Amino acid sequence: MSHDGTEEGIREHVEISIRFRDMIEHRIARLEADAANDEAEVQRLVSSDHIRRQMCLVSAQRQEALRMRRFLEHSTTRIVISPGSSE
């Protein structure tokens, strides 16, 4: 599996647990909320360098959220069947 950040690296099928999927979904939501809040803060900034750094942060947060979404799109959730269940 490629780890260079290209689409090629996420085409491989991955099976993940429900708990791991939930963790990633919460992380995505947090990244997106943080990006929105950080972008709103730009209105208060005066320094063009500070604005540039803030927007780089926003961009990185959104890129990471997108990377995680793509990972979830290319994965399935493992279903655990307890021993002794009727299935």
PDB file of N, CA and C in Angstrom:
ATOM      1  N   MET A   1       0.831  -1.172   0.000  1.00  0.00           N
ATOM      2  CA  MET A   1       0.000   0.000   0.000  1.00  0.00           C
ATOM      3  C   MET A   1       0.877   1.236   0.000  1.00  0.00           C
ATOM      4  N   SER A   2       0.579   2.185  -0.837  1.00  0.00           N
ATOM      5  CA  SER A   2       1.343   3.420  -0.948  1.00  0.00           C
ATOM      6  C   SER A   2       0.975   4.362   0.189  1.00  0.00           C
ATOM      7  N   HIS A   3       1.960   5.051   0.727  1.00  0.00           N
ATOM      8  CA  HIS A   3       1.701   5.996   1.808  1.00  0.00           C
ATOM      9  C   HIS A   3       2.135   7.398   1.417  1.00  0.00           C
ATOM     10  N   ASP A   4       2.145   7.688   0.117  1.00  0.00           N
ATOM     11  CA  ASP A   4       2.610   9.002  -0.331  1.00  0.00           C
ATOM     12  C   ASP A   4       1.486  10.010  -0.478  1.00  0.00           C
ATOM     13  N   GLY A   5       0.272   9.703  -0.004  1.00  0.00           N
ATOM     14  CA  GLY A   5      -0.831  10.647  -0.039  1.00  0.00           C
ATOM     15  C   GLY A   5      -1.586  10.682  -1.348  1.00  0.00           C
ATOM     16  N   THR A   6      -1.278   9.791  -2.271  1.00  0.00           N
ATOM     17  CA  THR A   6      -1.978   9.770  -3.547  1.00  0.00           C
ATOM     18  C   THR A   6      -3.209   8.893  -3.461  1.00  0.00           C
ATOM     19  N   GLU A   7      -4.078   9.020  -4.441  1.00  0.00           N
ATOM     20  CA  GLU A   7      -5.285   8.189  -4.498  1.00  0.00           C
ATOM     21  C   GLU A   7      -4.921   6.704  -4.539  1.00  0.00           C
ATOM     22  N   GLU A   8      -3.805   6.375  -5.137  1.00  0.00           N
ATOM     23  CA  GLU A   8      -3.389   4.982  -5.262  1.00  0.00           C
ATOM     24  C   GLU A   8      -3.324   4.307  -3.896  1.00  0.00           C
ATOM     25  N   GLY A   9      -2.910   5.063  -2.878  1.00  0.00           N
ATOM     26  CA  GLY A   9      -2.739   4.508  -1.546  1.00  0.00           C
ATOM     27  C   GLY A   9      -4.042   4.171  -0.848  1.00  0.00           C
ATOM     28  N   ILE A  10      -5.172   4.738  -1.290  1.00  0.00           N
ATOM     29  CA  ILE A  10      -6.425   4.474  -0.588  1.00  0.00           C
ATOM     30  C   ILE A  10      -7.348   3.553  -1.367  1.00  0.00           C
ATOM     31  N   ARG A  11      -6.914   3.036  -2.465  1.00  0.00           N
ATOM     32  CA  ARG A  11      -7.755   2.134  -3.255  1.00  0.00           C
ATOM     33  C   ARG A  11      -7.821   0.733  -2.661  1.00  0.00           C
ATOM     34  N   GLU A  12      -6.869   0.398  -1.824  1.00  0.00           N
ATOM     35  CA  GLU A  12      -6.857  -0.916  -1.192  1.00  0.00           C
ATOM     36  C   GLU A  12      -8.006  -1.010  -0.194  1.00  0.00           C
ATOM     37  N   HIS A  13      -8.714  -2.118  -0.221  1.00  0.00           N
ATOM     38  CA  HIS A  13      -9.847  -2.334   0.690  1.00  0.00           C
ATOM     39  C   HIS A  13      -9.336  -2.600   2.101  1.00  0.00           C
ATOM     40  N   VAL A  14      -9.977  -1.967   3.054  1.00  0.00           N
ATOM     41  CA  VAL A  14      -9.614  -2.141   4.458  1.00  0.00           C
ATOM     42  C   VAL A  14     -10.885  -2.423   5.245  1.00  0.00           C
ATOM     43  N   GLU A  15     -10.804  -3.379   6.154  1.00  0.00           N
ATOM     44  CA  GLU A  15     -11.924  -3.686   7.034  1.00  0.00           C
ATOM     45  C   GLU A  15     -11.586  -3.142   8.417  1.00  0.00           C
ATOM     46  N   ILE A  16     -12.485  -2.331   8.977  1.00  0.00           N
ATOM     47  CA  ILE A  16     -12.226  -1.694  10.266  1.00  0.00           C
ATOM     48  C   ILE A  16     -13.354  -2.013  11.249  1.00  0.00           C
ATOM     49  N   SER A  17     -13.058  -1.852  12.516  1.00  0.00           N
ATOM     50  CA  SER A  17     -14.073  -2.106  13.549  1.00  0.00           C
ATOM     51  C   SER A  17     -15.033  -0.922  13.639  1.00  0.00           C
ATOM     52  N   ILE A  18     -16.184  -1.178  14.226  1.00  0.00           N
ATOM     53  CA  ILE A  18     -17.176  -0.130  14.435  1.00  0.00           C
ATOM     54  C   ILE A  18     -16.581   0.964  15.324  1.00  0.00           C
ATOM     55  N   ARG A  19     -15.876   0.561  16.351  1.00  0.00           N
ATOM     56  CA  ARG A  19     -15.267   1.525  17.279  1.00  0.00           C
ATOM     57  C   ARG A  19     -14.276   2.429  16.551  1.00  0.00           C
ATOM     58  N   PHE A  20     -13.445   1.855  15.693  1.00  0.00           N
ATOM     59  CA  PHE A  20     -12.466   2.644  14.941  1.00  0.00           C
ATOM     60  C   PHE A  20     -13.174   3.591  13.972  1.00  0.00           C
ATOM     61  N   ARG A  21     -14.223   3.115  13.300  1.00  0.00           N
ATOM     62  CA  ARG A  21     -14.999   3.969  12.387  1.00  0.00           C
ATOM     63  C   ARG A  21     -15.593   5.152  13.156  1.00  0.00           C
ATOM     64  N   ASP A  22     -16.156   4.889  14.328  1.00  0.00           N
ATOM     65  CA  ASP A  22     -16.727   5.960  15.144  1.00  0.00           C
ATOM     66  C   ASP A  22     -15.659   6.983  15.535  1.00  0.00           C
ATOM     67  N   MET A  23     -14.477   6.502  15.910  1.00  0.00           N
ATOM     68  CA  MET A  23     -13.389   7.409  16.271  1.00  0.00           C
ATOM     69  C   MET A  23     -13.017   8.312  15.098  1.00  0.00           C
ATOM     70  N   ILE A  24     -12.927   7.735  13.919  1.00  0.00           N
ATOM     71  CA  ILE A  24     -12.571   8.521  12.739  1.00  0.00           C
ATOM     72  C   ILE A  24     -13.675   9.520  12.407  1.00  0.00           C
ATOM     73  N   GLU A  25     -14.919   9.098  12.487  1.00  0.00           N
ATOM     74  CA  GLU A  25     -16.031  10.010  12.205  1.00  0.00           C
ATOM     75  C   GLU A  25     -16.045  11.183  13.181  1.00  0.00           C
ATOM     76  N   HIS A  26     -15.763  10.929  14.461  1.00  0.00           N
ATOM     77  CA  HIS A  26     -15.691  12.018  15.435  1.00  0.00           C
ATOM     78  C   HIS A  26     -14.511  12.943  15.139  1.00  0.00           C
ATOM     79  N   ARG A  27     -13.400  12.369  14.731  1.00  0.00           N
ATOM     80  CA  ARG A  27     -12.224  13.182  14.389  1.00  0.00           C
ATOM     81  C   ARG A  27     -12.521  14.062  13.177  1.00  0.00           C
ATOM     82  N   ILE A  28     -13.207  13.530  12.178  1.00  0.00           N
ATOM     83  CA  ILE A  28     -13.586  14.316  10.999  1.00  0.00           C
ATOM     84  C   ILE A  28     -14.467  15.491  11.414  1.00  0.00           C
ATOM     85  N   ALA A  29     -15.462  15.226  12.240  1.00  0.00           N
ATOM     86  CA  ALA A  29     -16.368  16.281  12.696  1.00  0.00           C
ATOM     87  C   ALA A  29     -15.606  17.358  13.456  1.00  0.00           C
ATOM     88  N   ARG A  30     -14.665  16.941  14.298  1.00  0.00           N
ATOM     89  CA  ARG A  30     -13.862  17.902  15.064  1.00  0.00           C
ATOM     90  C   ARG A  30     -12.982  18.747  14.141  1.00  0.00           C
ATOM     91  N   LEU A  31     -12.350  18.097  13.159  1.00  0.00           N
ATOM     92  CA  LEU A  31     -11.509  18.833  12.208  1.00  0.00           C
ATOM     93  C   LEU A  31     -12.320  19.856  11.417  1.00  0.00           C
ATOM     94  N   GLU A  32     -13.497  19.450  10.967  1.00  0.00           N
ATOM     95  CA  GLU A  32     -14.330  20.362  10.184  1.00  0.00           C
ATOM     96  C   GLU A  32     -14.832  21.524  11.035  1.00  0.00           C
ATOM     97  N   ALA A  33     -15.210  21.262  12.277  1.00  0.00           N
ATOM     98  CA  ALA A  33     -15.653  22.331  13.177  1.00  0.00           C
ATOM     99  C   ALA A  33     -14.498  23.279  13.498  1.00  0.00           C
ATOM    100  N   ASP A  34     -13.322  22.715  13.758  1.00  0.00           N
ATOM    101  CA  ASP A  34     -12.153  23.546  14.043  1.00  0.00           C
ATOM    102  C   ASP A  34     -11.790  24.411  12.838  1.00  0.00           C
ATOM    103  N   ALA A  35     -11.875  23.843  11.643  1.00  0.00           N
ATOM    104  CA  ALA A  35     -11.562  24.604  10.428  1.00  0.00           C
ATOM    105  C   ALA A  35     -12.533  25.771  10.271  1.00  0.00           C
ATOM    106  N   ALA A  36     -13.800  25.543  10.512  1.00  0.00           N
ATOM    107  CA  ALA A  36     -14.797  26.616  10.404  1.00  0.00           C
ATOM    108  C   ALA A  36     -14.529  27.707  11.438  1.00  0.00           C
ATOM    109  N   ASN A  37     -14.225  27.309  12.677  1.00  0.00           N
ATOM    110  CA  ASN A  37     -13.930  28.287  13.726  1.00  0.00           C
ATOM    111  C   ASN A  37     -12.650  29.061  13.430  1.00  0.00           C
ATOM    112  N   ASP A  38     -11.620  28.356  12.984  1.00  0.00           N
ATOM    113  CA  ASP A  38     -10.351  29.017  12.674  1.00  0.00           C
ATOM    114  C   ASP A  38     -10.490  29.973  11.489  1.00  0.00           C
ATOM    115  N   GLU A  39     -11.303  29.592  10.517  1.00  0.00           N
ATOM    116  CA  GLU A  39     -11.528  30.477   9.374  1.00  0.00           C
ATOM    117  C   GLU A  39     -12.299  31.734   9.807  1.00  0.00           C
ATOM    118  N   ALA A  40     -13.240  31.575  10.709  1.00  0.00           N
ATOM    119  CA  ALA A  40     -14.000  32.727  11.214  1.00  0.00           C
ATOM    120  C   ALA A  40     -13.092  33.695  11.981  1.00  0.00           C
ATOM    121  N   GLU A  41     -12.071  33.167  12.635  1.00  0.00           N
ATOM    122  CA  GLU A  41     -11.134  34.003  13.391  1.00  0.00           C
ATOM    123  C   GLU A  41     -10.300  34.908  12.495  1.00  0.00           C
ATOM    124  N   VAL A  42     -10.171  34.569  11.218  1.00  0.00           N
ATOM    125  CA  VAL A  42      -9.363  35.369  10.291  1.00  0.00           C
ATOM    126  C   VAL A  42      -9.861  36.817  10.255  1.00  0.00           C
ATOM    127  N   GLN A  43     -11.154  37.029  10.434  1.00  0.00           N
ATOM    128  CA  GLN A  43     -11.736  38.379  10.412  1.00  0.00           C
ATOM    129  C   GLN A  43     -11.143  39.275  11.503  1.00  0.00           C
ATOM    130  N   ARG A  44     -10.663  38.673  12.572  1.00  0.00           N
ATOM    131  CA  ARG A  44     -10.114  39.437  13.700  1.00  0.00           C
ATOM    132  C   ARG A  44      -8.624  39.715  13.564  1.00  0.00           C
ATOM    133  N   LEU A  45      -7.985  39.036  12.623  1.00  0.00           N
ATOM    134  CA  LEU A  45      -6.532  39.161  12.497  1.00  0.00           C
ATOM    135  C   LEU A  45      -6.158  40.392  11.681  1.00  0.00           C
ATOM    136  N   VAL A  46      -5.005  40.971  12.026  1.00  0.00           N
ATOM    137  CA  VAL A  46      -4.531  42.167  11.337  1.00  0.00           C
ATOM    138  C   VAL A  46      -3.324  41.845  10.462  1.00  0.00           C
ATOM    139  N   SER A  47      -2.411  41.073  10.980  1.00  0.00           N
ATOM    140  CA  SER A  47      -1.167  40.762  10.281  1.00  0.00           C
ATOM    141  C   SER A  47      -1.414  39.832   9.103  1.00  0.00           C
ATOM    142  N   SER A  48      -0.915  40.215   7.934  1.00  0.00           N
ATOM    143  CA  SER A  48      -1.097  39.371   6.743  1.00  0.00           C
ATOM    144  C   SER A  48      -0.378  38.034   6.903  1.00  0.00           C
ATOM    145  N   ASP A  49       0.745  38.041   7.633  1.00  0.00           N
ATOM    146  CA  ASP A  49       1.461  36.786   7.865  1.00  0.00           C
ATOM    147  C   ASP A  49       0.653  35.869   8.778  1.00  0.00           C
ATOM    148  N   HIS A  50       0.041  36.453   9.786  1.00  0.00           N
ATOM    149  CA  HIS A  50      -0.795  35.668  10.696  1.00  0.00           C
ATOM    150  C   HIS A  50      -2.013  35.111   9.953  1.00  0.00           C
ATOM    151  N   ILE A  51      -2.606  35.916   9.081  1.00  0.00           N
ATOM    152  CA  ILE A  51      -3.747  35.464   8.275  1.00  0.00           C
ATOM    153  C   ILE A  51      -3.328  34.307   7.380  1.00  0.00           C
ATOM    154  N   ARG A  52      -2.161  34.427   6.759  1.00  0.00           N
ATOM    155  CA  ARG A  52      -1.655  33.358   5.890  1.00  0.00           C
ATOM    156  C   ARG A  52      -1.464  32.063   6.675  1.00  0.00           C
ATOM    157  N   ARG A  53      -0.854  32.160   7.846  1.00  0.00           N
ATOM    158  CA  ARG A  53      -0.641  30.960   8.676  1.00  0.00           C
ATOM    159  C   ARG A  53      -1.964  30.363   9.131  1.00  0.00           C
ATOM    160  N   GLN A  54      -2.923  31.223   9.483  1.00  0.00           N
ATOM    161  CA  GLN A  54      -4.233  30.740   9.917  1.00  0.00           C
ATOM    162  C   GLN A  54      -4.925  29.995   8.780  1.00  0.00           C
ATOM    163  N   MET A  55      -4.834  30.521   7.565  1.00  0.00           N
ATOM    164  CA  MET A  55      -5.466  29.865   6.428  1.00  0.00           C
ATOM    165  C   MET A  55      -4.746  28.560   6.056  1.00  0.00           C
ATOM    166  N   CYS A  56      -3.450  28.509   6.296  1.00  0.00           N
ATOM    167  CA  CYS A  56      -2.719  27.239   6.096  1.00  0.00           C
ATOM    168  C   CYS A  56      -3.229  26.189   7.079  1.00  0.00           C
ATOM    169  N   LEU A  57      -3.484  26.613   8.310  1.00  0.00           N
ATOM    170  CA  LEU A  57      -4.041  25.707   9.321  1.00  0.00           C
ATOM    171  C   LEU A  57      -5.412  25.201   8.883  1.00  0.00           C
ATOM    172  N   VAL A  58      -6.264  26.114   8.426  1.00  0.00           N
ATOM    173  CA  VAL A  58      -7.607  25.745   7.967  1.00  0.00           C
ATOM    174  C   VAL A  58      -7.510  24.742   6.817  1.00  0.00           C
ATOM    175  N   SER A  59      -6.616  25.019   5.879  1.00  0.00           N
ATOM    176  CA  SER A  59      -6.438  24.125   4.733  1.00  0.00           C
ATOM    177  C   SER A  59      -5.976  22.734   5.175  1.00  0.00           C
ATOM    178  N   ALA A  60      -5.028  22.691   6.103  1.00  0.00           N
ATOM    179  CA  ALA A  60      -4.523  21.401   6.598  1.00  0.00           C
ATOM    180  C   ALA A  60      -5.630  20.620   7.309  1.00  0.00           C
ATOM    181  N   GLN A  61      -6.458  21.313   8.081  1.00  0.00           N
ATOM    182  CA  GLN A  61      -7.554  20.645   8.780  1.00  0.00           C
ATOM    183  C   GLN A  61      -8.545  20.049   7.779  1.00  0.00           C
ATOM    184  N   ARG A  62      -8.879  20.809   6.765  1.00  0.00           N
ATOM    185  CA  ARG A  62      -9.832  20.323   5.758  1.00  0.00           C
ATOM    186  C   ARG A  62      -9.240  19.193   4.930  1.00  0.00           C
ATOM    187  N   GLN A  63      -7.963  19.279   4.601  1.00  0.00           N
ATOM    188  CA  GLN A  63      -7.324  18.194   3.847  1.00  0.00           C
ATOM    189  C   GLN A  63      -7.297  16.904   4.650  1.00  0.00           C
ATOM    190  N   GLU A  64      -7.011  17.010   5.941  1.00  0.00           N
ATOM    191  CA  GLU A  64      -6.983  15.813   6.792  1.00  0.00           C
ATOM    192  C   GLU A  64      -8.377  15.207   6.919  1.00  0.00           C
ATOM    193  N   ALA A  65      -9.396  16.050   7.068  1.00  0.00           N
ATOM    194  CA  ALA A  65     -10.773  15.551   7.140  1.00  0.00           C
ATOM    195  C   ALA A  65     -11.145  14.837   5.837  1.00  0.00           C
ATOM    196  N   LEU A  66     -10.753  15.401   4.707  1.00  0.00           N
ATOM    197  CA  LEU A  66     -11.044  14.778   3.414  1.00  0.00           C
ATOM    198  C   LEU A  66     -10.310  13.444   3.278  1.00  0.00           C
ATOM    199  N   ARG A  67      -9.052  13.407   3.690  1.00  0.00           N
ATOM    200  CA  ARG A  67      -8.275  12.157   3.632  1.00  0.00           C
ATOM    201  C   ARG A  67      -8.960  11.077   4.461  1.00  0.00           C
ATOM    202  N   MET A  68      -9.433  11.439   5.633  1.00  0.00           N
ATOM    203  CA  MET A  68     -10.112  10.468   6.497  1.00  0.00           C
ATOM    204  C   MET A  68     -11.448  10.039   5.902  1.00  0.00           C
ATOM    205  N   ARG A  69     -12.189  10.962   5.294  1.00  0.00           N
ATOM    206  CA  ARG A  69     -13.447  10.604   4.623  1.00  0.00           C
ATOM    207  C   ARG A  69     -13.203   9.605   3.500  1.00  0.00           C
ATOM    208  N   ARG A  70     -12.176   9.844   2.716  1.00  0.00           N
ATOM    209  CA  ARG A  70     -11.846   8.921   1.620  1.00  0.00           C
ATOM    210  C   ARG A  70     -11.477   7.549   2.156  1.00  0.00           C
ATOM    211  N   PHE A  71     -10.754   7.524   3.272  1.00  0.00           N
ATOM    212  CA  PHE A  71     -10.419   6.254   3.890  1.00  0.00           C
ATOM    213  C   PHE A  71     -11.690   5.503   4.269  1.00  0.00           C
ATOM    214  N   LEU A  72     -12.642   6.202   4.895  1.00  0.00           N
ATOM    215  CA  LEU A  72     -13.899   5.562   5.289  1.00  0.00           C
ATOM    216  C   LEU A  72     -14.692   5.094   4.074  1.00  0.00           C
ATOM    217  N   GLU A  73     -14.658   5.864   2.990  1.00  0.00           N
ATOM    218  CA  GLU A  73     -15.369   5.473   1.771  1.00  0.00           C
ATOM    219  C   GLU A  73     -14.823   4.178   1.191  1.00  0.00           C
ATOM    220  N   HIS A  74     -13.543   3.917   1.397  1.00  0.00           N
ATOM    221  CA  HIS A  74     -12.904   2.728   0.832  1.00  0.00           C
ATOM    222  C   HIS A  74     -12.739   1.609   1.857  1.00  0.00           C
ATOM    223  N   SER A  75     -13.475   1.703   2.958  1.00  0.00           N
ATOM    224  CA  SER A  75     -13.384   0.655   3.968  1.00  0.00           C
ATOM    225  C   SER A  75     -14.770   0.122   4.279  1.00  0.00           C
ATOM    226  N   THR A  76     -14.796  -1.044   4.858  1.00  0.00           N
ATOM    227  CA  THR A  76     -16.049  -1.611   5.334  1.00  0.00           C
ATOM    228  C   THR A  76     -15.913  -1.838   6.839  1.00  0.00           C
ATOM    229  N   THR A  77     -17.046  -1.913   7.489  1.00  0.00           N
ATOM    230  CA  THR A  77     -17.043  -2.111   8.935  1.00  0.00           C
ATOM    231  C   THR A  77     -17.174  -3.600   9.232  1.00  0.00           C
ATOM    232  N   ARG A  78     -16.243  -4.080  10.026  1.00  0.00           N
ATOM    233  CA  ARG A  78     -16.244  -5.481  10.422  1.00  0.00           C
ATOM    234  C   ARG A  78     -17.369  -5.718  11.406  1.00  0.00           C
ATOM    235  N   ILE A  79     -18.131  -6.733  11.172  1.00  0.00           N
ATOM    236  CA  ILE A  79     -19.232  -7.105  12.067  1.00  0.00           C
ATOM    237  C   ILE A  79     -18.754  -8.289  12.910  1.00  0.00           C
ATOM    238  N   VAL A  80     -18.804  -8.072  14.201  1.00  0.00           N
ATOM    239  CA  VAL A  80     -18.352  -9.114  15.127  1.00  0.00           C
ATOM    240  C   VAL A  80     -19.566  -9.919  15.575  1.00  0.00           C
ATOM    241  N   ILE A  81     -19.479 -11.212  15.376  1.00  0.00           N
ATOM    242  CA  ILE A  81     -20.551 -12.112  15.804  1.00  0.00           C
ATOM    243  C   ILE A  81     -20.053 -12.824  17.055  1.00  0.00           C
ATOM    244  N   SER A  82     -20.806 -12.654  18.113  1.00  0.00           N
ATOM    245  CA  SER A  82     -20.429 -13.245  19.391  1.00  0.00           C
ATOM    246  C   SER A  82     -20.551 -14.762  19.329  1.00  0.00           C
ATOM    247  N   PRO A  83     -19.635 -15.471  19.969  1.00  0.00           N
ATOM    248  CA  PRO A  83     -19.782 -16.926  20.055  1.00  0.00           C
ATOM    249  C   PRO A  83     -21.089 -17.269  20.750  1.00  0.00           C
ATOM    250  N   GLY A  84     -21.787 -18.229  20.252  1.00  0.00           N
ATOM    251  CA  GLY A  84     -23.042 -18.654  20.834  1.00  0.00           C
ATOM    252  C   GLY A  84     -24.265 -17.932  20.283  1.00  0.00           C
ATOM    253  N   SER A  85     -24.033 -16.970  19.372  1.00  0.00           N
ATOM    254  CA  SER A  85     -25.194 -16.307  18.776  1.00  0.00           C
ATOM    255  C   SER A  85     -25.792 -17.225  17.740  1.00  0.00           C
ATOM    256  N   SER A  86     -27.029 -16.997  17.384  1.00  0.00           N
ATOM    257  CA  SER A  86     -27.734 -17.916  16.472  1.00  0.00           C
ATOM    258  C   SER A  86     -27.405 -17.678  15.006  1.00  0.00           C
ATOM    259  N   GLU A  87     -26.504 -16.736  14.686  1.00  0.00           N
ATOM    260  CA  GLU A  87     -26.180 -16.465  13.268  1.00  0.00           C
ATOM    261  C   GLU A  87     -25.077 -17.303  12.758  1.00  0.00           C
TER     262      GLU A  87
END
